[in-house]
């Protein structure tokens, strides 16, 4: 899922092209062997070929992890460090990497990547987890980074017909750098968070799918989710992530609209208290 927020930090659009940082050494051999002068390769580096989407996603995930770790010290993150430690020979697509990383940071973790000062080439992460109208009930007054992950999972469940295999959830989350078997800087143990903590809090239902080999599980919305949010709000969240309109998913939109109309109807079957007869 391509994450496209409407407002981004300057990093995604103002990163300078080329220049700065050290390029990872090329492993390709030039004609006539690898002659060197003073420990440096003599042949000119060849222009990098086009990268696949998978290669870019892996590099973006690495960049996001690097930015989150560096931000723990609350010291501005230098572009030269990004180039040296993460980007390497991907310098030619640095603006694209920063743009994607900024989107992921905002919509998964609740941070906005911002250039500290114009042309300073230093960045900070700004917490953006204030309540917004689409998901204020889900975020709560104080909001936490885990809320963004919960909203992503709720969106996956709804868009898959209100039930999704656990394996499909992890297939998607791996693209965001969240793995079931790896400790995460923000989420700790992601598998425990999703399949135990969110389940215990009744945001999710987690059930084994019968007759599956290997064993698989499915996730559905829990009763607390149905009380604290709605299908329309989650659909708007998904639409915002994709920079699209909720109506672009007609089946889900009709289902969410029907739920909204049902909630708006006055509840029946509850008799009003009868006033006591006056004596």
Protein backbone atom coordinates (compact mmCIF):
# COMPACT_ATOMS: atom_id res chain seq x y z
CA UNK A 1 0.00 0.00 0.00
CA UNK A 2 1.51 3.26 -1.05
CA UNK A 3 1.23 5.80 1.75
CA UNK A 4 0.63 9.29 0.46
CA UNK A 5 -0.11 11.90 3.10
CA UNK A 6 -1.48 15.25 2.04
CA UNK A 7 1.10 17.18 4.06
CA UNK A 8 4.70 16.15 4.39
CA UNK A 9 7.84 17.48 5.96
CA UNK A 10 10.30 19.28 3.74
CA UNK A 11 12.57 16.29 3.57
CA UNK A 12 10.51 14.55 0.92
CA UNK A 13 10.66 17.46 -1.51
CA UNK A 14 13.69 19.58 -0.68
CA UNK A 15 16.43 16.95 -0.46
CA UNK A 16 19.36 17.95 -2.65
CA UNK A 17 20.24 15.77 -5.57
CA UNK A 18 23.52 13.89 -5.49
CA UNK A 19 26.57 15.24 -3.67
CA UNK A 20 27.71 14.51 -0.15
CA UNK A 21 28.27 11.24 1.61
CA UNK A 22 30.30 8.24 0.64
CA UNK A 23 29.19 5.85 -2.02
CA UNK A 24 29.36 2.14 -1.33
CA UNK A 25 32.10 0.50 -3.41
CA UNK A 26 30.97 -1.13 -6.62
CA UNK A 27 31.30 -4.89 -6.91
CA UNK A 28 31.36 -4.84 -10.72
CA UNK A 29 34.64 -5.30 -12.52
CA UNK A 30 35.79 -2.80 -15.11
CA UNK A 31 37.69 -3.73 -18.25
CA UNK A 32 41.30 -4.63 -17.67
CA UNK A 33 40.93 -5.47 -13.98
CA UNK A 34 40.59 -3.24 -10.91
CA UNK A 35 43.61 -0.93 -11.05
CA UNK A 36 43.89 1.36 -8.03
CA UNK A 37 45.75 4.47 -6.97
CA UNK A 38 46.25 5.20 -3.27
CA UNK A 39 43.68 2.53 -2.36
CA UNK A 40 41.02 4.04 -4.67
CA UNK A 41 39.50 2.36 -7.68
CA UNK A 42 40.64 3.84 -10.96
CA UNK A 43 37.62 2.99 -13.05
CA UNK A 44 34.71 5.43 -13.11
CA UNK A 45 31.64 4.10 -11.28
CA UNK A 46 28.93 2.93 -13.63
CA UNK A 47 25.50 4.54 -13.49
CA UNK A 48 23.14 2.48 -11.31
CA UNK A 49 20.39 0.65 -13.13
CA UNK A 50 16.70 0.95 -12.30
CA UNK A 51 15.70 -0.48 -8.92
CA UNK A 52 12.79 -2.78 -8.40
CA UNK A 53 9.95 -1.82 -6.10
CA UNK A 54 11.10 -4.54 -3.69
CA UNK A 55 14.61 -3.07 -3.55
CA UNK A 56 13.22 0.40 -2.86
CA UNK A 57 10.85 -0.91 -0.17
CA UNK A 58 13.70 -2.68 1.62
CA UNK A 59 15.82 0.45 1.55
CA UNK A 60 12.92 2.59 2.80
CA UNK A 61 12.32 0.18 5.68
CA UNK A 62 16.00 0.41 6.58
CA UNK A 63 15.86 4.21 6.44
CA UNK A 64 12.77 4.35 8.67
CA UNK A 65 14.45 2.16 11.27
CA UNK A 66 17.58 4.33 11.16
CA UNK A 67 15.57 7.56 11.62
CA UNK A 68 13.60 6.13 14.55
CA UNK A 69 16.76 4.98 16.29
CA UNK A 70 18.57 8.30 15.75
CA UNK A 71 15.55 10.24 17.00
CA UNK A 72 15.74 8.52 20.38
CA UNK A 73 18.60 10.88 21.28
CA UNK A 74 16.55 13.94 20.17
CA UNK A 75 19.56 15.24 18.27
CA UNK A 76 18.99 16.50 14.69
CA UNK A 77 19.71 13.81 12.11
CA UNK A 78 22.29 14.83 9.53
CA UNK A 79 21.85 14.07 5.86
CA UNK A 80 25.49 13.02 5.66
CA UNK A 81 24.81 10.31 8.27
CA UNK A 82 21.80 9.11 6.28
CA UNK A 83 23.94 8.86 3.16
CA UNK A 84 26.84 7.18 4.92
CA UNK A 85 25.00 4.62 7.01
CA UNK A 86 21.88 3.82 4.99
CA UNK A 87 21.67 5.17 1.46
CA UNK A 88 25.02 4.10 0.01
CA UNK A 89 24.76 3.71 -3.76
CA UNK A 90 21.09 4.72 -3.73
CA UNK A 91 22.05 8.41 -3.69
CA UNK A 92 20.38 8.99 -7.05
CA UNK A 93 16.96 8.12 -5.55
CA UNK A 94 17.47 9.81 -2.16
CA UNK A 95 14.52 12.24 -2.61
CA UNK A 96 12.22 9.28 -3.37
CA UNK A 97 13.54 7.34 -0.37
CA UNK A 98 12.98 10.32 1.93
CA UNK A 99 9.49 10.87 0.54
CA UNK A 100 8.45 7.26 1.13
CA UNK A 101 10.10 7.17 4.54
CA UNK A 102 8.25 10.39 5.52
CA UNK A 103 4.92 8.84 4.48
CA UNK A 104 5.57 5.67 6.46
CA UNK A 105 6.73 7.55 9.53
CA UNK A 106 3.57 9.65 9.55
CA UNK A 107 0.96 7.00 8.89
CA UNK A 108 2.45 4.05 10.75
CA UNK A 109 4.34 5.66 13.61
CA UNK A 110 2.73 9.09 13.93
CA UNK A 111 5.88 11.14 13.25
CA UNK A 112 6.47 13.82 10.62
CA UNK A 113 9.94 14.08 9.07
CA UNK A 114 10.84 17.77 8.92
CA UNK A 115 13.94 19.62 7.77
CA UNK A 116 15.07 21.61 10.81
CA UNK A 117 15.93 24.75 8.82
CA UNK A 118 15.83 25.44 5.08
CA UNK A 119 18.88 23.97 3.34
CA UNK A 120 20.32 22.80 6.65
CA UNK A 121 20.31 19.14 5.60
CA UNK A 122 19.37 18.18 9.14
CA UNK A 123 16.08 16.57 10.10
CA UNK A 124 13.95 15.89 13.15
CA UNK A 125 10.86 13.76 13.81
CA UNK A 126 7.80 15.66 15.08
CA UNK A 127 5.03 13.82 16.92
CA UNK A 128 1.75 14.28 15.02
CA UNK A 129 -0.51 12.08 17.13
CA UNK A 130 -3.06 14.74 17.98
CA UNK A 131 -6.64 13.50 17.57
CA UNK A 132 -8.17 14.09 14.13
CA UNK A 133 -11.78 13.77 13.13
CA UNK A 134 -11.40 10.52 11.19
CA UNK A 135 -9.84 8.52 14.01
CA UNK A 136 -10.08 10.62 17.16
CA UNK A 137 -11.93 7.83 18.95
CA UNK A 138 -9.23 5.34 18.05
CA UNK A 139 -6.30 7.57 18.98
CA UNK A 140 -7.76 8.85 22.23
CA UNK A 141 -6.75 12.16 23.75
CA UNK A 142 -3.09 11.25 24.13
CA UNK A 143 -2.50 8.83 21.28
CA UNK A 144 0.36 6.35 20.98
CA UNK A 145 2.42 5.04 18.07
CA UNK A 146 0.70 1.65 18.46
CA UNK A 147 -2.57 3.29 17.42
CA UNK A 148 -1.24 3.78 13.91
CA UNK A 149 -0.43 0.07 13.68
CA UNK A 150 -3.87 -0.86 15.01
CA UNK A 151 -5.56 1.35 12.40
CA UNK A 152 -3.52 -0.31 9.65
CA UNK A 153 -4.62 -3.77 10.83
CA UNK A 154 -8.27 -2.70 11.18
CA UNK A 155 -8.14 -1.31 7.64
CA UNK A 156 -6.69 -4.56 6.28
CA UNK A 157 -9.45 -6.56 7.98
CA UNK A 158 -12.25 -4.37 6.65
CA UNK A 159 -10.88 -4.18 3.10
CA UNK A 160 -10.54 -7.99 3.03
CA UNK A 161 -14.20 -8.58 3.83
CA UNK A 162 -14.09 -8.25 7.64
CA UNK A 163 -11.73 -11.18 8.13
CA UNK A 164 -8.11 -11.71 7.14
CA UNK A 165 -5.55 -14.47 7.54
CA UNK A 166 -2.73 -13.69 9.93
CA UNK A 167 -0.20 -14.62 7.23
CA UNK A 168 -1.65 -11.91 4.96
CA UNK A 169 -1.31 -9.33 7.73
CA UNK A 170 2.38 -10.11 8.17
CA UNK A 171 2.97 -10.17 4.42
CA UNK A 172 1.82 -6.54 4.38
CA UNK A 173 3.48 -5.40 7.60
CA UNK A 174 6.86 -6.76 6.50
CA UNK A 175 6.76 -4.13 3.75
CA UNK A 176 6.56 -1.55 6.53
CA UNK A 177 9.53 -3.03 8.34
CA UNK A 178 7.38 -4.74 11.00
CA UNK A 179 8.18 -8.46 11.37
CA UNK A 180 6.48 -11.05 13.61
CA UNK A 181 9.76 -12.58 14.82
CA UNK A 182 11.87 -9.43 15.25
CA UNK A 183 11.83 -7.02 18.17
CA UNK A 184 10.74 -3.59 17.01
CA UNK A 185 12.06 -0.29 18.33
CA UNK A 186 8.58 1.21 18.77
CA UNK A 187 6.24 -1.79 19.03
CA UNK A 188 8.46 -4.16 21.00
CA UNK A 189 7.15 -7.62 20.14
CA UNK A 190 4.79 -6.93 17.20
CA UNK A 191 3.25 -10.41 17.19
CA UNK A 192 2.43 -10.21 20.90
CA UNK A 193 1.05 -6.68 20.45
CA UNK A 194 -1.33 -7.74 17.65
CA UNK A 195 -2.32 -11.27 18.64
CA UNK A 196 -2.33 -10.84 22.44
CA UNK A 197 -2.45 -7.20 23.60
CA UNK A 198 -4.97 -5.92 21.02
CA UNK A 199 -6.98 -9.12 21.54
CA UNK A 200 -6.97 -8.74 25.33
CA UNK A 201 -8.07 -5.12 24.91
CA UNK A 202 -10.89 -6.47 22.69
CA UNK A 203 -9.90 -4.46 19.63
CA UNK A 204 -9.31 -7.68 17.70
CA UNK A 205 -10.59 -11.27 17.61
CA UNK A 206 -7.97 -13.94 16.92
CA UNK A 207 -9.11 -17.43 15.93
CA UNK A 208 -7.54 -20.54 14.50
CA UNK A 209 -8.77 -21.43 11.02
CA UNK A 210 -9.87 -25.08 11.05
CA UNK A 211 -8.41 -27.64 8.66
CA UNK A 212 -5.38 -25.55 7.66
CA UNK A 213 -1.95 -27.10 7.18
CA UNK A 214 0.26 -25.42 8.19
CA UNK A 215 -1.90 -23.98 10.94
CA UNK A 216 -3.14 -20.46 10.21
CA UNK A 217 -5.20 -17.94 12.15
CA UNK A 218 -7.61 -15.20 11.20
CA UNK A 219 -8.16 -11.72 12.58
CA UNK A 220 -11.47 -9.87 12.86
CA UNK A 221 -12.67 -6.70 14.54
CA UNK A 222 -13.35 -7.06 18.24
CA UNK A 223 -16.35 -5.64 20.14
CA UNK A 224 -14.38 -2.66 21.46
CA UNK A 225 -13.54 -1.57 17.92
CA UNK A 226 -17.20 -1.62 16.95
CA UNK A 227 -17.98 0.61 19.94
CA UNK A 228 -15.12 3.08 19.56
CA UNK A 229 -15.00 3.55 15.80
CA UNK A 230 -16.91 2.67 12.63
CA UNK A 231 -16.34 1.15 9.23
CA UNK A 232 -16.69 4.57 7.64
CA UNK A 233 -13.97 6.08 9.82
CA UNK A 234 -11.61 3.22 9.08
CA UNK A 235 -12.41 3.45 5.37
CA UNK A 236 -11.61 7.18 5.47
CA UNK A 237 -8.31 6.32 7.14
CA UNK A 238 -7.49 3.83 4.36
CA UNK A 239 -8.52 6.37 1.71
CA UNK A 240 -6.27 9.00 3.32
CA UNK A 241 -3.33 6.61 3.26
CA UNK A 242 -3.91 5.97 -0.46
CA UNK A 243 -4.74 9.63 -1.18
CA UNK A 244 -8.07 8.54 -2.65
CA UNK A 245 -11.77 8.98 -1.98
CA UNK A 246 -13.68 6.41 0.12
CA UNK A 247 -16.10 6.00 -2.79
CA UNK A 248 -13.25 4.55 -4.84
CA UNK A 249 -14.05 1.29 -3.02
CA UNK A 250 -17.79 0.93 -3.83
CA UNK A 251 -18.45 -2.32 -1.94
CA UNK A 252 -16.77 -1.15 1.25
CA UNK A 253 -18.32 2.30 0.96
CA UNK A 254 -21.84 0.89 0.65
CA UNK A 255 -21.23 -1.41 3.63
CA UNK A 256 -19.88 1.46 5.73
CA UNK A 257 -22.75 3.73 4.68
CA UNK A 258 -25.31 1.09 5.61
CA UNK A 259 -23.72 0.81 9.04
CA UNK A 260 -23.82 4.60 9.47
CA UNK A 261 -27.51 4.67 8.56
CA UNK A 262 -28.28 1.80 10.94
CA UNK A 263 -26.53 3.60 13.79
CA UNK A 264 -28.44 6.79 13.03
CA UNK A 265 -31.83 5.07 13.28
CA UNK A 266 -33.50 5.43 16.69
CA UNK A 267 -33.19 2.33 18.82
CA UNK A 268 -36.42 0.39 19.20
CA UNK A 269 -37.50 -2.22 21.68
CA UNK A 270 -36.53 -0.24 24.77
CA UNK A 271 -39.68 0.96 26.46
CA UNK A 272 -39.64 4.38 28.05
CA UNK A 273 -40.32 4.35 31.76
CA UNK A 274 -44.01 4.80 32.51
CA UNK A 275 -44.71 7.68 34.87
CA UNK A 276 -46.36 6.66 38.09
CA UNK A 277 -50.07 7.50 38.19
CA UNK A 278 -50.86 10.58 40.21
CA UNK A 279 -52.94 9.96 43.27
